[in-house]
Amino acid sequence: MMNKDWTLLVLALAEGAPLTSAHVQKALFLIQQQLPSEITDRPKYDFVPYLHGPYAPQVNIDAFELLREQFVESARLASGGTVYRTTTAGSMRSLSMRCDLGHDVVEYAQHVVSWVLATSLEVVVREIGRQFPQYQAQDAYRHAA
């Protein structure tokens, strides 16, 4: 699968819940880092430390491409941010990807997406920084609580 397909899969696994770019970034980072090493079909983004933990600019580019291709839709938040969710076409496309990946990989990705959605971004970033200290350097939440 291409990276863009992983971005679509993460959005589809949210099952209609809107995801911010930060949610998508953190979910993809965790999936990429924590899938067992024998699984070679994984996201391959170039994450770097950033203000709120790991960041890969290509994730946002891929989300915009998926928007242009009408596999996702977006909405602006009052805060100025953007949320994404899959369209019907995007959800249908993700079904074939799920079959190609296999049950265990999809189940793990679903677990990650569910956790990222149910947990405050501050806690997600803090947990990533604990597990992956090299991505904590510019973490805006590092000194909180």
C-alpha atoms as a PDB file:
ATOM      1  CA  MET A   1       0.000   0.000   0.000  1.00  0.00           C
ATOM      2  CA  MET A   2       1.071   3.548  -0.620  1.00  0.00           C
ATOM      3  CA  ASN A   3       1.304   6.019   2.259  1.00  0.00           C
ATOM      4  CA  LYS A   4      -1.787   7.821   0.998  1.00  0.00           C
ATOM      5  CA  ASP A   5      -3.717   4.550   1.354  1.00  0.00           C
ATOM      6  CA  TRP A   6      -2.678   4.349   5.018  1.00  0.00           C
ATOM      7  CA  THR A   7      -3.976   7.879   5.565  1.00  0.00           C
ATOM      8  CA  LEU A   8      -7.309   6.878   4.025  1.00  0.00           C
ATOM      9  CA  LEU A   9      -7.399   3.722   6.138  1.00  0.00           C
ATOM     10  CA  VAL A  10      -6.846   5.683   9.364  1.00  0.00           C
ATOM     11  CA  LEU A  11      -9.669   8.054   8.440  1.00  0.00           C
ATOM     12  CA  ALA A  12     -11.957   5.147   7.533  1.00  0.00           C
ATOM     13  CA  LEU A  13     -11.200   3.333  10.784  1.00  0.00           C
ATOM     14  CA  ALA A  14     -12.530   6.378  12.645  1.00  0.00           C
ATOM     15  CA  GLU A  15     -15.936   5.205  11.375  1.00  0.00           C
ATOM     16  CA  GLY A  16     -17.311   8.633  10.570  1.00  0.00           C
ATOM     17  CA  ALA A  17     -15.742  10.488  13.492  1.00  0.00           C
ATOM     18  CA  PRO A  18     -13.900  13.596  12.326  1.00  0.00           C
ATOM     19  CA  LEU A  19     -10.124  13.516  12.774  1.00  0.00           C
ATOM     20  CA  THR A  20      -7.835  16.513  12.933  1.00  0.00           C
ATOM     21  CA  SER A  21      -4.524  16.454  11.127  1.00  0.00           C
ATOM     22  CA  ALA A  22      -2.862  15.930  14.528  1.00  0.00           C
ATOM     23  CA  HIS A  23      -4.996  12.839  15.193  1.00  0.00           C
ATOM     24  CA  VAL A  24      -4.102  11.395  11.792  1.00  0.00           C
ATOM     25  CA  GLN A  25      -0.403  12.206  12.268  1.00  0.00           C
ATOM     26  CA  LYS A  26      -0.227  10.517  15.686  1.00  0.00           C
ATOM     27  CA  ALA A  27      -2.206   7.446  14.610  1.00  0.00           C
ATOM     28  CA  LEU A  28      -0.017   6.925  11.539  1.00  0.00           C
ATOM     29  CA  PHE A  29       3.139   7.417  13.603  1.00  0.00           C
ATOM     30  CA  LEU A  30       2.072   4.803  16.150  1.00  0.00           C
ATOM     31  CA  ILE A  31       1.007   2.314  13.482  1.00  0.00           C
ATOM     32  CA  GLN A  32       4.273   2.797  11.594  1.00  0.00           C
ATOM     33  CA  GLN A  33       6.419   2.435  14.712  1.00  0.00           C
ATOM     34  CA  GLN A  34       4.588  -0.343  16.499  1.00  0.00           C
ATOM     35  CA  LEU A  35       3.531  -2.854  13.872  1.00  0.00           C
ATOM     36  CA  PRO A  36       5.610  -6.020  14.324  1.00  0.00           C
ATOM     37  CA  SER A  37       8.813  -5.931  12.267  1.00  0.00           C
ATOM     38  CA  GLU A  38       7.792  -8.924  10.146  1.00  0.00           C
ATOM     39  CA  ILE A  39       4.943  -6.848   8.707  1.00  0.00           C
ATOM     40  CA  THR A  40       6.570  -5.011   5.847  1.00  0.00           C
ATOM     41  CA  ASP A  41       3.436  -3.336   4.464  1.00  0.00           C
ATOM     42  CA  ARG A  42       3.279  -0.366   6.791  1.00  0.00           C
ATOM     43  CA  PRO A  43       3.222   3.425   6.511  1.00  0.00           C
ATOM     44  CA  LYS A  44       6.626   4.825   5.565  1.00  0.00           C
ATOM     45  CA  TYR A  45       6.383   8.494   6.438  1.00  0.00           C
ATOM     46  CA  ASP A  46       9.405  10.591   7.408  1.00  0.00           C
ATOM     47  CA  PHE A  47       8.382  11.819  10.851  1.00  0.00           C
ATOM     48  CA  VAL A  48      10.373  14.535  12.605  1.00  0.00           C
ATOM     49  CA  PRO A  49      10.031  16.012  16.116  1.00  0.00           C
ATOM     50  CA  TYR A  50       7.682  18.974  16.089  1.00  0.00           C
ATOM     51  CA  LEU A  51       5.715  21.152  18.516  1.00  0.00           C
ATOM     52  CA  HIS A  52       3.116  18.481  19.265  1.00  0.00           C
ATOM     53  CA  GLY A  53       5.200  15.346  18.802  1.00  0.00           C
ATOM     54  CA  PRO A  54       6.046  13.555  15.561  1.00  0.00           C
ATOM     55  CA  TYR A  55       5.055  15.268  12.328  1.00  0.00           C
ATOM     56  CA  ALA A  56       5.353  14.281   8.667  1.00  0.00           C
ATOM     57  CA  PRO A  57       4.374  17.004   6.169  1.00  0.00           C
ATOM     58  CA  GLN A  58       3.492  14.336   3.584  1.00  0.00           C
ATOM     59  CA  VAL A  59       0.535  13.213   5.744  1.00  0.00           C
ATOM     60  CA  ASN A  60      -1.143  16.586   5.183  1.00  0.00           C
ATOM     61  CA  ILE A  61      -0.319  16.481   1.480  1.00  0.00           C
ATOM     62  CA  ASP A  62      -1.852  13.003   1.251  1.00  0.00           C
ATOM     63  CA  ALA A  63      -4.986  14.151   3.110  1.00  0.00           C
ATOM     64  CA  PHE A  64      -5.338  17.044   0.664  1.00  0.00           C
ATOM     65  CA  GLU A  65      -4.934  14.662  -2.295  1.00  0.00           C
ATOM     66  CA  LEU A  66      -7.603  12.364  -0.847  1.00  0.00           C
ATOM     67  CA  LEU A  67      -9.833  15.425  -0.473  1.00  0.00           C
ATOM     68  CA  ARG A  68      -9.219  16.398  -4.100  1.00  0.00           C
ATOM     69  CA  GLU A  69     -10.008  12.811  -5.180  1.00  0.00           C
ATOM     70  CA  GLN A  70     -13.227  12.977  -3.114  1.00  0.00           C
ATOM     71  CA  PHE A  71     -12.279  10.053  -0.865  1.00  0.00           C
ATOM     72  CA  VAL A  72     -12.417  12.372   2.158  1.00  0.00           C
ATOM     73  CA  GLU A  73     -14.243  15.558   3.056  1.00  0.00           C
ATOM     74  CA  SER A  74     -13.125  18.340   5.333  1.00  0.00           C
ATOM     75  CA  ALA A  75     -14.634  20.965   7.583  1.00  0.00           C
ATOM     76  CA  ARG A  76     -13.083  24.025   9.200  1.00  0.00           C
ATOM     77  CA  LEU A  77     -13.193  24.305  12.969  1.00  0.00           C
ATOM     78  CA  ALA A  78     -13.903  27.585  14.745  1.00  0.00           C
ATOM     79  CA  SER A  79     -10.319  27.381  16.038  1.00  0.00           C
ATOM     80  CA  GLY A  80      -9.059  27.511  12.451  1.00  0.00           C
ATOM     81  CA  GLY A  81      -8.072  23.853  12.208  1.00  0.00           C
ATOM     82  CA  THR A  82      -9.470  21.302   9.796  1.00  0.00           C
ATOM     83  CA  VAL A  83     -11.109  17.946  10.435  1.00  0.00           C
ATOM     84  CA  TYR A  84     -11.345  15.121   7.929  1.00  0.00           C
ATOM     85  CA  ARG A  85     -13.633  12.131   7.493  1.00  0.00           C
ATOM     86  CA  THR A  86     -14.109   9.627   4.709  1.00  0.00           C
ATOM     87  CA  THR A  87     -16.792   9.936   2.094  1.00  0.00           C
ATOM     88  CA  THR A  88     -18.811   6.911   1.025  1.00  0.00           C
ATOM     89  CA  ALA A  89     -16.348   6.414  -1.846  1.00  0.00           C
ATOM     90  CA  GLY A  90     -13.420   6.578   0.581  1.00  0.00           C
ATOM     91  CA  SER A  91     -15.019   4.080   2.940  1.00  0.00           C
ATOM     92  CA  MET A  92     -15.655   1.688   0.043  1.00  0.00           C
ATOM     93  CA  ARG A  93     -12.077   2.025  -1.183  1.00  0.00           C
ATOM     94  CA  SER A  94     -10.749   1.303   2.306  1.00  0.00           C
ATOM     95  CA  LEU A  95     -12.630  -2.018   2.401  1.00  0.00           C
ATOM     96  CA  SER A  96     -10.399  -3.565  -0.262  1.00  0.00           C
ATOM     97  CA  MET A  97      -7.311  -2.287   1.581  1.00  0.00           C
ATOM     98  CA  ARG A  98      -8.519  -3.984   4.751  1.00  0.00           C
ATOM     99  CA  CYS A  99      -8.764  -7.312   2.907  1.00  0.00           C
ATOM    100  CA  ASP A 100      -5.268  -6.881   1.460  1.00  0.00           C
ATOM    101  CA  LEU A 101      -3.733  -6.088   4.863  1.00  0.00           C
ATOM    102  CA  GLY A 102      -5.293  -8.906   6.802  1.00  0.00           C
ATOM    103  CA  HIS A 103      -7.254  -9.092  10.027  1.00  0.00           C
ATOM    104  CA  ASP A 104      -4.403  -8.673  12.535  1.00  0.00           C
ATOM    105  CA  VAL A 105      -2.977  -5.516  10.949  1.00  0.00           C
ATOM    106  CA  VAL A 106      -6.408  -3.915  10.550  1.00  0.00           C
ATOM    107  CA  GLU A 107      -7.348  -4.842  14.110  1.00  0.00           C
ATOM    108  CA  TYR A 108      -4.169  -3.226  15.430  1.00  0.00           C
ATOM    109  CA  ALA A 109      -4.715  -0.091  13.323  1.00  0.00           C
ATOM    110  CA  GLN A 110      -8.315   0.076  14.577  1.00  0.00           C
ATOM    111  CA  HIS A 111      -7.074  -0.149  18.158  1.00  0.00           C
ATOM    112  CA  VAL A 112      -4.644   2.746  17.580  1.00  0.00           C
ATOM    113  CA  VAL A 113      -7.233   4.954  15.880  1.00  0.00           C
ATOM    114  CA  SER A 114      -9.788   4.267  18.630  1.00  0.00           C
ATOM    115  CA  TRP A 115      -7.237   5.101  21.328  1.00  0.00           C
ATOM    116  CA  VAL A 116      -6.152   8.329  19.617  1.00  0.00           C
ATOM    117  CA  LEU A 117      -9.793   9.397  19.250  1.00  0.00           C
ATOM    118  CA  ALA A 118     -10.705   8.581  22.854  1.00  0.00           C
ATOM    119  CA  THR A 119      -7.637  10.193  24.416  1.00  0.00           C
ATOM    120  CA  SER A 120      -6.800  13.873  24.675  1.00  0.00           C
ATOM    121  CA  LEU A 121      -4.131  15.004  22.240  1.00  0.00           C
ATOM    122  CA  GLU A 122      -2.020  16.117  25.200  1.00  0.00           C
ATOM    123  CA  VAL A 123      -1.984  12.585  26.634  1.00  0.00           C
ATOM    124  CA  VAL A 124      -1.326  11.023  23.212  1.00  0.00           C
ATOM    125  CA  VAL A 125       1.661  13.315  22.669  1.00  0.00           C
ATOM    126  CA  ARG A 126       2.964  12.690  26.168  1.00  0.00           C
ATOM    127  CA  GLU A 127       2.696   8.903  25.729  1.00  0.00           C
ATOM    128  CA  ILE A 128       4.462   9.065  22.356  1.00  0.00           C
ATOM    129  CA  GLY A 129       7.221  11.139  23.973  1.00  0.00           C
ATOM    130  CA  ARG A 130       7.570   8.551  26.739  1.00  0.00           C
ATOM    131  CA  GLN A 131       7.816   5.647  24.301  1.00  0.00           C
ATOM    132  CA  PHE A 132       9.839   7.501  21.654  1.00  0.00           C
ATOM    133  CA  PRO A 133      11.965  10.156  23.427  1.00  0.00           C
ATOM    134  CA  GLN A 134      13.606  11.255  20.178  1.00  0.00           C
ATOM    135  CA  TYR A 135      10.227  12.774  19.192  1.00  0.00           C
ATOM    136  CA  GLN A 136       9.780  14.641  22.458  1.00  0.00           C
ATOM    137  CA  ALA A 137      12.305  17.436  21.867  1.00  0.00           C
ATOM    138  CA  GLN A 138       9.844  20.104  20.718  1.00  0.00           C
ATOM    139  CA  ASP A 139       6.753  18.694  22.443  1.00  0.00           C
ATOM    140  CA  ALA A 140       4.590  21.611  23.570  1.00  0.00           C
ATOM    141  CA  TYR A 141       2.902  19.401  26.178  1.00  0.00           C
ATOM    142  CA  ARG A 142       6.131  18.003  27.624  1.00  0.00           C
ATOM    143  CA  HIS A 143       6.149  20.206  30.715  1.00  0.00           C
ATOM    144  CA  ALA A 144       2.416  20.160  31.379  1.00  0.00           C
ATOM    145  CA  ALA A 145       1.138  18.303  34.479  1.00  0.00           C
END
